[in-house]
Amino acid sequence: GLQCQPIALEREPFGIGACAHLRFHAIPLVSNAPPYSPNRGDPQPGDTIGLFVEDRRSGASLFYAPGLGQIDDQVLAWMQRADCLLLDGTLWRDDEMRICEVGQSLGSEMGHLAQSGPGGMLEVLEGFPRQRKVLIHINNTNPILDEDSAERALLERRGIEVAYDGMDIVL
């Protein structure tokens, strides 16, 4: 059956029996709490976390952050340590939901850093030339899902990948 394991922040790394060679670090993210959380609209530290995952056999690592509203100094430090970045790619523009007429919320209100614009994910990722960069958690309104779009071409020129179902990450 399903076994739940609470994840405490600011503690020693933890492991999972099925993946004994992996070590996990939970990192609090600046974001909004998920829609199902009682803290939605009033996020608390730990409502949204990222994971830094180390392979103790190979020494390779990745940083996983599907809900990332802001990138603070702590997150930047973990990103610098990682060989691969799996980062929030929800929206291309902060007002994408409004432009596409599917909602009124801004990405920033939902806890997602837009890819484009000043301070957006693309600008942040310019500072990470050695890491493999993969955008995950992509909303269906995001133009990067169209492989022929100008936005997708821009990502490709910058060495940023778009996750897809069945994608393998080998470190």
N, C-alpha and C. Protein backbone atom coordinates (compact mmCIF):
# COMPACT_ATOMS: atom_id res chain seq x y z
N GLY A 1 0.81 -1.17 0.00
CA GLY A 1 0.00 0.00 0.00
C GLY A 1 0.86 1.25 0.00
N LEU A 2 0.19 2.35 -0.05
CA LEU A 2 0.83 3.66 -0.06
C LEU A 2 1.37 3.98 1.33
N GLN A 3 2.61 4.44 1.37
CA GLN A 3 3.22 4.84 2.64
C GLN A 3 3.59 6.31 2.55
N CYS A 4 3.07 7.11 3.47
CA CYS A 4 3.39 8.53 3.51
C CYS A 4 4.56 8.75 4.45
N GLN A 5 5.43 9.64 4.05
CA GLN A 5 6.57 10.01 4.88
C GLN A 5 6.61 11.53 4.98
N PRO A 6 6.31 12.08 6.16
CA PRO A 6 6.40 13.54 6.30
C PRO A 6 7.81 14.01 5.97
N ILE A 7 7.88 15.16 5.33
CA ILE A 7 9.18 15.74 4.97
C ILE A 7 9.36 17.01 5.78
N ALA A 8 10.35 17.01 6.65
CA ALA A 8 10.65 18.18 7.46
C ALA A 8 11.66 19.05 6.73
N LEU A 9 11.50 20.35 6.86
CA LEU A 9 12.44 21.29 6.26
C LEU A 9 13.63 21.54 7.18
N GLU A 10 14.70 22.04 6.60
CA GLU A 10 15.88 22.43 7.37
C GLU A 10 16.39 21.30 8.24
N ARG A 11 16.46 20.11 7.68
CA ARG A 11 16.99 19.00 8.44
C ARG A 11 17.98 18.25 7.58
N GLU A 12 18.50 17.22 8.13
CA GLU A 12 19.45 16.39 7.40
C GLU A 12 18.78 15.77 6.18
N PRO A 13 19.56 15.43 5.18
CA PRO A 13 18.98 14.75 4.02
C PRO A 13 18.31 13.44 4.44
N PHE A 14 17.39 12.99 3.62
CA PHE A 14 16.68 11.76 3.93
C PHE A 14 16.75 10.82 2.73
N GLY A 15 16.43 9.58 2.97
CA GLY A 15 16.43 8.58 1.92
C GLY A 15 15.09 7.89 1.82
N ILE A 16 14.95 7.11 0.77
CA ILE A 16 13.76 6.30 0.53
C ILE A 16 14.25 4.90 0.25
N GLY A 17 13.70 3.92 0.95
CA GLY A 17 14.19 2.55 0.85
C GLY A 17 14.29 2.02 -0.57
N ALA A 18 13.32 2.34 -1.42
CA ALA A 18 13.32 1.82 -2.78
C ALA A 18 14.43 2.42 -3.64
N CYS A 19 14.98 3.53 -3.19
CA CYS A 19 16.06 4.22 -3.94
C CYS A 19 17.20 4.50 -2.96
N ALA A 20 17.76 3.47 -2.39
CA ALA A 20 18.72 3.63 -1.30
C ALA A 20 19.96 4.43 -1.69
N HIS A 21 20.28 4.47 -2.98
CA HIS A 21 21.47 5.21 -3.42
C HIS A 21 21.22 6.70 -3.59
N LEU A 22 19.97 7.13 -3.44
CA LEU A 22 19.65 8.54 -3.58
C LEU A 22 19.50 9.20 -2.21
N ARG A 23 19.94 10.46 -2.16
CA ARG A 23 19.78 11.27 -0.95
C ARG A 23 18.98 12.51 -1.33
N PHE A 24 17.96 12.84 -0.55
CA PHE A 24 17.05 13.94 -0.83
C PHE A 24 17.20 15.05 0.20
N HIS A 25 17.17 16.29 -0.27
CA HIS A 25 17.14 17.46 0.60
C HIS A 25 15.87 18.25 0.25
N ALA A 26 15.05 18.57 1.24
CA ALA A 26 13.83 19.36 1.02
C ALA A 26 14.16 20.84 1.18
N ILE A 27 13.81 21.63 0.17
CA ILE A 27 14.11 23.06 0.18
C ILE A 27 12.79 23.83 0.09
N PRO A 28 12.50 24.72 1.05
CA PRO A 28 11.28 25.51 0.95
C PRO A 28 11.36 26.47 -0.24
N LEU A 29 10.27 26.57 -0.97
CA LEU A 29 10.21 27.46 -2.12
C LEU A 29 9.29 28.63 -1.82
N VAL A 30 9.60 29.79 -2.40
CA VAL A 30 8.72 30.94 -2.30
C VAL A 30 7.71 30.78 -3.43
N SER A 31 6.47 30.48 -3.03
CA SER A 31 5.40 30.21 -3.98
C SER A 31 4.09 30.36 -3.24
N ASN A 32 2.98 30.18 -3.93
CA ASN A 32 1.70 30.12 -3.25
C ASN A 32 1.47 28.66 -2.86
N ALA A 33 0.66 28.44 -1.86
CA ALA A 33 0.31 27.07 -1.49
C ALA A 33 -0.54 26.47 -2.60
N PRO A 34 -0.50 25.15 -2.77
CA PRO A 34 -1.32 24.50 -3.80
C PRO A 34 -2.80 24.77 -3.59
N PRO A 35 -3.62 24.64 -4.64
CA PRO A 35 -5.06 24.94 -4.53
C PRO A 35 -5.78 24.14 -3.46
N TYR A 36 -5.34 22.92 -3.19
CA TYR A 36 -6.01 22.08 -2.20
C TYR A 36 -5.57 22.37 -0.77
N SER A 37 -4.59 23.25 -0.59
CA SER A 37 -4.05 23.54 0.74
C SER A 37 -4.94 24.53 1.49
N PRO A 38 -5.09 24.35 2.80
CA PRO A 38 -5.81 25.35 3.59
C PRO A 38 -5.06 26.68 3.65
N ASN A 39 -3.79 26.68 3.22
CA ASN A 39 -2.98 27.90 3.25
C ASN A 39 -2.96 28.63 1.91
N ARG A 40 -3.81 28.23 0.95
CA ARG A 40 -3.87 28.90 -0.35
C ARG A 40 -4.15 30.38 -0.12
N GLY A 41 -3.33 31.24 -0.67
CA GLY A 41 -3.48 32.69 -0.48
C GLY A 41 -2.75 33.20 0.74
N ASP A 42 -2.32 32.33 1.62
CA ASP A 42 -1.55 32.70 2.81
C ASP A 42 -0.48 31.63 3.03
N PRO A 43 0.45 31.51 2.08
CA PRO A 43 1.41 30.40 2.13
C PRO A 43 2.32 30.46 3.35
N GLN A 44 2.64 29.27 3.83
CA GLN A 44 3.54 29.11 4.96
C GLN A 44 4.80 28.38 4.48
N PRO A 45 5.94 28.59 5.14
CA PRO A 45 7.14 27.86 4.73
C PRO A 45 6.90 26.35 4.73
N GLY A 46 7.23 25.71 3.62
CA GLY A 46 7.04 24.28 3.51
C GLY A 46 5.79 23.88 2.77
N ASP A 47 4.88 24.83 2.48
CA ASP A 47 3.70 24.49 1.69
C ASP A 47 4.12 24.00 0.31
N THR A 48 5.15 24.60 -0.24
CA THR A 48 5.70 24.19 -1.53
C THR A 48 7.19 23.96 -1.34
N ILE A 49 7.65 22.79 -1.75
CA ILE A 49 9.07 22.48 -1.60
C ILE A 49 9.69 22.09 -2.93
N GLY A 50 10.98 22.24 -2.99
CA GLY A 50 11.77 21.68 -4.06
C GLY A 50 12.59 20.55 -3.47
N LEU A 51 13.15 19.73 -4.33
CA LEU A 51 14.01 18.64 -3.86
C LEU A 51 15.36 18.71 -4.57
N PHE A 52 16.41 18.64 -3.80
CA PHE A 52 17.75 18.45 -4.34
C PHE A 52 18.04 16.97 -4.14
N VAL A 53 18.33 16.29 -5.24
CA VAL A 53 18.50 14.84 -5.21
C VAL A 53 19.93 14.51 -5.64
N GLU A 54 20.63 13.77 -4.79
CA GLU A 54 22.00 13.36 -5.08
C GLU A 54 22.07 11.85 -5.25
N ASP A 55 22.77 11.42 -6.27
CA ASP A 55 23.05 10.00 -6.47
C ASP A 55 24.39 9.72 -5.80
N ARG A 56 24.35 8.96 -4.72
CA ARG A 56 25.59 8.71 -3.95
C ARG A 56 26.56 7.81 -4.69
N ARG A 57 26.09 7.09 -5.70
CA ARG A 57 27.00 6.24 -6.48
C ARG A 57 27.77 7.05 -7.50
N SER A 58 27.08 7.91 -8.24
CA SER A 58 27.74 8.66 -9.33
C SER A 58 28.18 10.06 -8.92
N GLY A 59 27.58 10.59 -7.87
CA GLY A 59 27.86 11.96 -7.47
C GLY A 59 27.03 12.99 -8.22
N ALA A 60 26.22 12.54 -9.18
CA ALA A 60 25.39 13.46 -9.97
C ALA A 60 24.21 13.95 -9.12
N SER A 61 23.65 15.10 -9.52
CA SER A 61 22.57 15.67 -8.74
C SER A 61 21.59 16.43 -9.63
N LEU A 62 20.38 16.61 -9.09
CA LEU A 62 19.40 17.44 -9.78
C LEU A 62 18.62 18.25 -8.76
N PHE A 63 18.07 19.35 -9.24
CA PHE A 63 17.21 20.20 -8.42
C PHE A 63 15.85 20.23 -9.09
N TYR A 64 14.80 19.85 -8.34
CA TYR A 64 13.44 19.71 -8.84
C TYR A 64 12.56 20.74 -8.15
N ALA A 65 11.95 21.64 -8.93
CA ALA A 65 11.10 22.68 -8.36
C ALA A 65 9.93 22.96 -9.28
N PRO A 66 8.81 22.23 -9.14
CA PRO A 66 7.68 22.41 -10.04
C PRO A 66 6.81 23.62 -9.76
N GLY A 67 6.85 24.15 -8.57
CA GLY A 67 6.09 25.34 -8.22
C GLY A 67 7.04 26.38 -7.65
N LEU A 68 7.44 27.33 -8.47
CA LEU A 68 8.50 28.26 -8.08
C LEU A 68 8.06 29.67 -8.42
N GLY A 69 7.64 30.41 -7.40
CA GLY A 69 7.15 31.77 -7.62
C GLY A 69 8.26 32.80 -7.64
N GLN A 70 9.29 32.58 -6.85
CA GLN A 70 10.44 33.48 -6.78
C GLN A 70 11.68 32.65 -6.53
N ILE A 71 12.79 33.15 -7.03
CA ILE A 71 14.05 32.44 -6.81
C ILE A 71 14.88 33.26 -5.84
N ASP A 72 14.94 32.79 -4.60
CA ASP A 72 15.70 33.50 -3.57
C ASP A 72 17.14 32.97 -3.52
N ASP A 73 17.94 33.54 -2.64
CA ASP A 73 19.36 33.17 -2.55
C ASP A 73 19.55 31.70 -2.20
N GLN A 74 18.70 31.16 -1.33
CA GLN A 74 18.82 29.75 -0.96
C GLN A 74 18.58 28.85 -2.17
N VAL A 75 17.55 29.14 -2.93
CA VAL A 75 17.25 28.34 -4.12
C VAL A 75 18.37 28.48 -5.14
N LEU A 76 18.87 29.70 -5.34
CA LEU A 76 19.99 29.89 -6.27
C LEU A 76 21.20 29.03 -5.89
N ALA A 77 21.48 28.95 -4.60
CA ALA A 77 22.62 28.15 -4.14
C ALA A 77 22.43 26.67 -4.47
N TRP A 78 21.22 26.15 -4.26
CA TRP A 78 20.95 24.74 -4.59
C TRP A 78 21.01 24.53 -6.10
N MET A 79 20.51 25.48 -6.87
CA MET A 79 20.57 25.38 -8.32
C MET A 79 22.02 25.32 -8.81
N GLN A 80 22.88 26.12 -8.20
CA GLN A 80 24.29 26.13 -8.60
C GLN A 80 24.95 24.78 -8.35
N ARG A 81 24.54 24.08 -7.31
CA ARG A 81 25.13 22.77 -6.97
C ARG A 81 24.71 21.66 -7.91
N ALA A 82 23.54 21.82 -8.55
CA ALA A 82 22.94 20.73 -9.32
C ALA A 82 23.56 20.58 -10.72
N ASP A 83 23.57 19.34 -11.20
CA ASP A 83 23.97 19.07 -12.58
C ASP A 83 22.81 19.27 -13.54
N CYS A 84 21.59 19.07 -13.05
CA CYS A 84 20.39 19.17 -13.87
C CYS A 84 19.33 19.96 -13.10
N LEU A 85 18.66 20.87 -13.80
CA LEU A 85 17.61 21.67 -13.20
C LEU A 85 16.27 21.30 -13.84
N LEU A 86 15.35 20.86 -13.02
CA LEU A 86 13.98 20.57 -13.46
C LEU A 86 13.10 21.65 -12.83
N LEU A 87 12.74 22.66 -13.63
CA LEU A 87 12.15 23.87 -13.06
C LEU A 87 10.78 24.19 -13.63
N ASP A 88 10.02 24.92 -12.83
CA ASP A 88 8.67 25.36 -13.14
C ASP A 88 8.63 26.04 -14.50
N GLY A 89 7.87 25.46 -15.42
CA GLY A 89 7.67 26.05 -16.73
C GLY A 89 6.21 26.33 -17.00
N THR A 90 5.45 26.59 -15.95
CA THR A 90 3.99 26.69 -16.07
C THR A 90 3.56 27.67 -17.16
N LEU A 91 4.03 28.91 -17.07
CA LEU A 91 3.54 29.96 -17.95
C LEU A 91 4.67 30.69 -18.66
N TRP A 92 4.44 31.09 -19.89
CA TRP A 92 5.40 31.90 -20.62
C TRP A 92 5.32 33.34 -20.15
N ARG A 93 4.10 33.85 -19.96
CA ARG A 93 3.89 35.22 -19.51
C ARG A 93 3.09 35.22 -18.21
N ASP A 94 3.30 36.21 -17.40
CA ASP A 94 2.59 36.29 -16.12
C ASP A 94 1.08 36.39 -16.34
N ASP A 95 0.65 37.10 -17.38
CA ASP A 95 -0.78 37.30 -17.63
C ASP A 95 -1.36 36.32 -18.66
N GLU A 96 -0.68 35.21 -18.86
CA GLU A 96 -1.08 34.24 -19.89
C GLU A 96 -2.51 33.72 -19.72
N MET A 97 -2.92 33.47 -18.50
CA MET A 97 -4.27 32.94 -18.27
C MET A 97 -5.32 33.96 -18.74
N ARG A 98 -5.06 35.24 -18.51
CA ARG A 98 -6.00 36.29 -18.94
C ARG A 98 -5.98 36.44 -20.46
N ILE A 99 -4.79 36.46 -21.04
CA ILE A 99 -4.65 36.62 -22.49
C ILE A 99 -5.36 35.48 -23.23
N CYS A 100 -5.22 34.27 -22.71
CA CYS A 100 -5.85 33.09 -23.33
C CYS A 100 -7.31 32.92 -22.92
N GLU A 101 -7.80 33.81 -22.05
CA GLU A 101 -9.19 33.82 -21.60
C GLU A 101 -9.61 32.50 -20.95
N VAL A 102 -8.71 31.97 -20.11
CA VAL A 102 -9.04 30.74 -19.38
C VAL A 102 -9.05 30.95 -17.87
N GLY A 103 -8.80 32.16 -17.44
CA GLY A 103 -8.79 32.48 -16.01
C GLY A 103 -8.33 33.90 -15.80
N GLN A 104 -8.50 34.40 -14.59
CA GLN A 104 -8.13 35.77 -14.28
C GLN A 104 -6.85 35.87 -13.46
N SER A 105 -6.35 34.75 -12.95
CA SER A 105 -5.18 34.78 -12.08
C SER A 105 -3.91 35.05 -12.87
N LEU A 106 -3.04 35.83 -12.27
CA LEU A 106 -1.69 35.99 -12.80
C LEU A 106 -0.86 34.80 -12.34
N GLY A 107 0.14 34.45 -13.11
CA GLY A 107 1.04 33.37 -12.69
C GLY A 107 1.66 33.67 -11.35
N SER A 108 2.06 34.92 -11.14
CA SER A 108 2.69 35.31 -9.87
C SER A 108 1.74 35.12 -8.69
N GLU A 109 0.44 35.30 -8.90
CA GLU A 109 -0.54 35.07 -7.84
C GLU A 109 -0.69 33.59 -7.53
N MET A 110 -0.52 32.76 -8.55
CA MET A 110 -0.65 31.31 -8.37
C MET A 110 0.64 30.70 -7.82
N GLY A 111 1.74 31.46 -7.83
CA GLY A 111 3.01 30.95 -7.32
C GLY A 111 3.92 30.39 -8.39
N HIS A 112 3.81 30.94 -9.62
CA HIS A 112 4.65 30.47 -10.72
C HIS A 112 5.38 31.65 -11.36
N LEU A 113 6.68 31.54 -11.44
CA LEU A 113 7.51 32.55 -12.10
C LEU A 113 7.37 32.36 -13.61
N ALA A 114 7.00 33.42 -14.30
CA ALA A 114 6.87 33.34 -15.77
C ALA A 114 8.25 33.13 -16.38
N GLN A 115 8.27 32.53 -17.56
CA GLN A 115 9.55 32.31 -18.24
C GLN A 115 10.08 33.60 -18.87
N SER A 116 9.21 34.41 -19.46
CA SER A 116 9.64 35.61 -20.16
C SER A 116 9.56 36.83 -19.25
N GLY A 117 10.10 37.93 -19.74
CA GLY A 117 10.03 39.20 -19.02
C GLY A 117 11.17 39.39 -18.05
N PRO A 118 11.31 40.62 -17.56
CA PRO A 118 12.39 40.93 -16.61
C PRO A 118 12.30 40.06 -15.36
N GLY A 119 13.40 39.43 -14.98
CA GLY A 119 13.43 38.57 -13.81
C GLY A 119 12.79 37.22 -14.02
N GLY A 120 12.37 36.92 -15.25
CA GLY A 120 11.73 35.65 -15.55
C GLY A 120 12.73 34.50 -15.58
N MET A 121 12.20 33.30 -15.73
CA MET A 121 13.02 32.09 -15.70
C MET A 121 14.14 32.12 -16.75
N LEU A 122 13.85 32.62 -17.95
CA LEU A 122 14.88 32.67 -18.98
C LEU A 122 16.06 33.53 -18.55
N GLU A 123 15.75 34.65 -17.96
CA GLU A 123 16.81 35.55 -17.48
C GLU A 123 17.62 34.87 -16.37
N VAL A 124 16.95 34.24 -15.46
CA VAL A 124 17.63 33.54 -14.35
C VAL A 124 18.53 32.44 -14.90
N LEU A 125 18.06 31.68 -15.86
CA LEU A 125 18.81 30.53 -16.37
C LEU A 125 20.05 30.92 -17.16
N GLU A 126 20.15 32.18 -17.56
CA GLU A 126 21.38 32.64 -18.23
C GLU A 126 22.59 32.46 -17.32
N GLY A 127 22.38 32.46 -16.03
CA GLY A 127 23.46 32.31 -15.06
C GLY A 127 23.84 30.87 -14.78
N PHE A 128 23.31 29.92 -15.56
CA PHE A 128 23.57 28.51 -15.33
C PHE A 128 24.02 27.82 -16.62
N PRO A 129 25.18 28.18 -17.13
CA PRO A 129 25.61 27.64 -18.43
C PRO A 129 25.97 26.16 -18.42
N ARG A 130 26.40 25.60 -17.29
CA ARG A 130 26.88 24.21 -17.28
C ARG A 130 25.79 23.19 -16.99
N GLN A 131 24.68 23.62 -16.45
CA GLN A 131 23.62 22.70 -16.06
C GLN A 131 22.72 22.33 -17.22
N ARG A 132 22.21 21.11 -17.19
CA ARG A 132 21.12 20.73 -18.08
C ARG A 132 19.87 21.40 -17.52
N LYS A 133 19.10 22.06 -18.37
CA LYS A 133 17.94 22.82 -17.93
C LYS A 133 16.69 22.28 -18.63
N VAL A 134 15.70 21.85 -17.82
CA VAL A 134 14.48 21.26 -18.35
C VAL A 134 13.29 21.95 -17.66
N LEU A 135 12.38 22.49 -18.47
CA LEU A 135 11.16 23.07 -17.92
C LEU A 135 10.11 21.98 -17.76
N ILE A 136 9.48 21.96 -16.59
CA ILE A 136 8.47 20.96 -16.24
C ILE A 136 7.20 21.67 -15.81
N HIS A 137 6.14 20.92 -15.56
CA HIS A 137 4.88 21.46 -15.01
C HIS A 137 4.35 22.56 -15.92
N ILE A 138 4.18 22.26 -17.19
CA ILE A 138 3.85 23.24 -18.21
C ILE A 138 2.33 23.29 -18.42
N ASN A 139 1.77 24.49 -18.32
CA ASN A 139 0.34 24.67 -18.50
C ASN A 139 -0.02 24.52 -19.99
N ASN A 140 -1.23 24.07 -20.26
CA ASN A 140 -1.63 23.86 -21.66
C ASN A 140 -1.77 25.15 -22.46
N THR A 141 -1.72 26.30 -21.81
CA THR A 141 -1.76 27.59 -22.51
C THR A 141 -0.38 28.06 -22.94
N ASN A 142 0.66 27.41 -22.47
CA ASN A 142 2.03 27.86 -22.71
C ASN A 142 2.44 27.58 -24.16
N PRO A 143 2.86 28.62 -24.91
CA PRO A 143 3.20 28.42 -26.32
C PRO A 143 4.43 27.53 -26.54
N ILE A 144 5.21 27.23 -25.51
CA ILE A 144 6.38 26.36 -25.70
C ILE A 144 5.97 24.93 -26.02
N LEU A 145 4.71 24.58 -25.79
CA LEU A 145 4.25 23.25 -26.14
C LEU A 145 4.16 23.06 -27.65
N ASP A 146 4.07 24.15 -28.39
CA ASP A 146 4.07 24.10 -29.86
C ASP A 146 5.52 24.08 -30.32
N GLU A 147 5.96 22.94 -30.84
CA GLU A 147 7.36 22.78 -31.24
C GLU A 147 7.78 23.74 -32.34
N ASP A 148 6.82 24.34 -33.06
CA ASP A 148 7.14 25.27 -34.13
C ASP A 148 7.00 26.73 -33.71
N SER A 149 6.77 26.99 -32.43
CA SER A 149 6.56 28.36 -31.98
C SER A 149 7.88 29.11 -31.83
N ALA A 150 7.78 30.43 -31.91
CA ALA A 150 8.96 31.29 -31.69
C ALA A 150 9.49 31.12 -30.26
N GLU A 151 8.59 30.91 -29.31
CA GLU A 151 9.00 30.74 -27.91
C GLU A 151 9.82 29.46 -27.75
N ARG A 152 9.39 28.40 -28.40
CA ARG A 152 10.12 27.13 -28.33
C ARG A 152 11.50 27.28 -28.98
N ALA A 153 11.56 27.98 -30.10
CA ALA A 153 12.84 28.21 -30.78
C ALA A 153 13.79 28.99 -29.89
N LEU A 154 13.26 29.96 -29.16
CA LEU A 154 14.09 30.74 -28.23
C LEU A 154 14.67 29.84 -27.15
N LEU A 155 13.86 28.96 -26.59
CA LEU A 155 14.36 28.02 -25.58
C LEU A 155 15.47 27.16 -26.16
N GLU A 156 15.24 26.63 -27.34
CA GLU A 156 16.24 25.75 -27.96
C GLU A 156 17.56 26.48 -28.18
N ARG A 157 17.49 27.74 -28.61
CA ARG A 157 18.73 28.52 -28.80
C ARG A 157 19.48 28.71 -27.49
N ARG A 158 18.75 28.73 -26.40
CA ARG A 158 19.36 28.93 -25.08
C ARG A 158 19.70 27.62 -24.38
N GLY A 159 19.48 26.51 -25.05
CA GLY A 159 19.81 25.21 -24.46
C GLY A 159 18.88 24.78 -23.35
N ILE A 160 17.63 25.22 -23.42
CA ILE A 160 16.62 24.87 -22.42
C ILE A 160 15.65 23.88 -23.05
N GLU A 161 15.45 22.75 -22.39
CA GLU A 161 14.57 21.70 -22.89
C GLU A 161 13.16 21.84 -22.31
N VAL A 162 12.21 21.27 -23.01
CA VAL A 162 10.83 21.20 -22.55
C VAL A 162 10.53 19.74 -22.24
N ALA A 163 10.11 19.46 -21.02
CA ALA A 163 9.80 18.09 -20.62
C ALA A 163 8.63 17.54 -21.44
N TYR A 164 8.63 16.23 -21.58
CA TYR A 164 7.54 15.57 -22.29
C TYR A 164 7.26 14.23 -21.59
N ASP A 165 6.08 13.71 -21.79
CA ASP A 165 5.69 12.44 -21.19
C ASP A 165 6.67 11.35 -21.62
N GLY A 166 7.18 10.62 -20.66
CA GLY A 166 8.12 9.53 -20.95
C GLY A 166 9.57 9.96 -21.05
N MET A 167 9.84 11.21 -20.78
CA MET A 167 11.22 11.72 -20.87
C MET A 167 12.10 11.04 -19.83
N ASP A 168 13.28 10.61 -20.24
CA ASP A 168 14.25 10.05 -19.32
C ASP A 168 15.31 11.09 -19.01
N ILE A 169 15.69 11.18 -17.76
CA ILE A 169 16.78 12.07 -17.34
C ILE A 169 17.90 11.17 -16.87
N VAL A 170 19.00 11.19 -17.56
CA VAL A 170 20.16 10.37 -17.19
C VAL A 170 21.27 11.30 -16.76
N LEU A 171 21.75 11.09 -15.55
CA LEU A 171 22.84 11.93 -15.02
C LEU A 171 24.11 11.10 -14.87
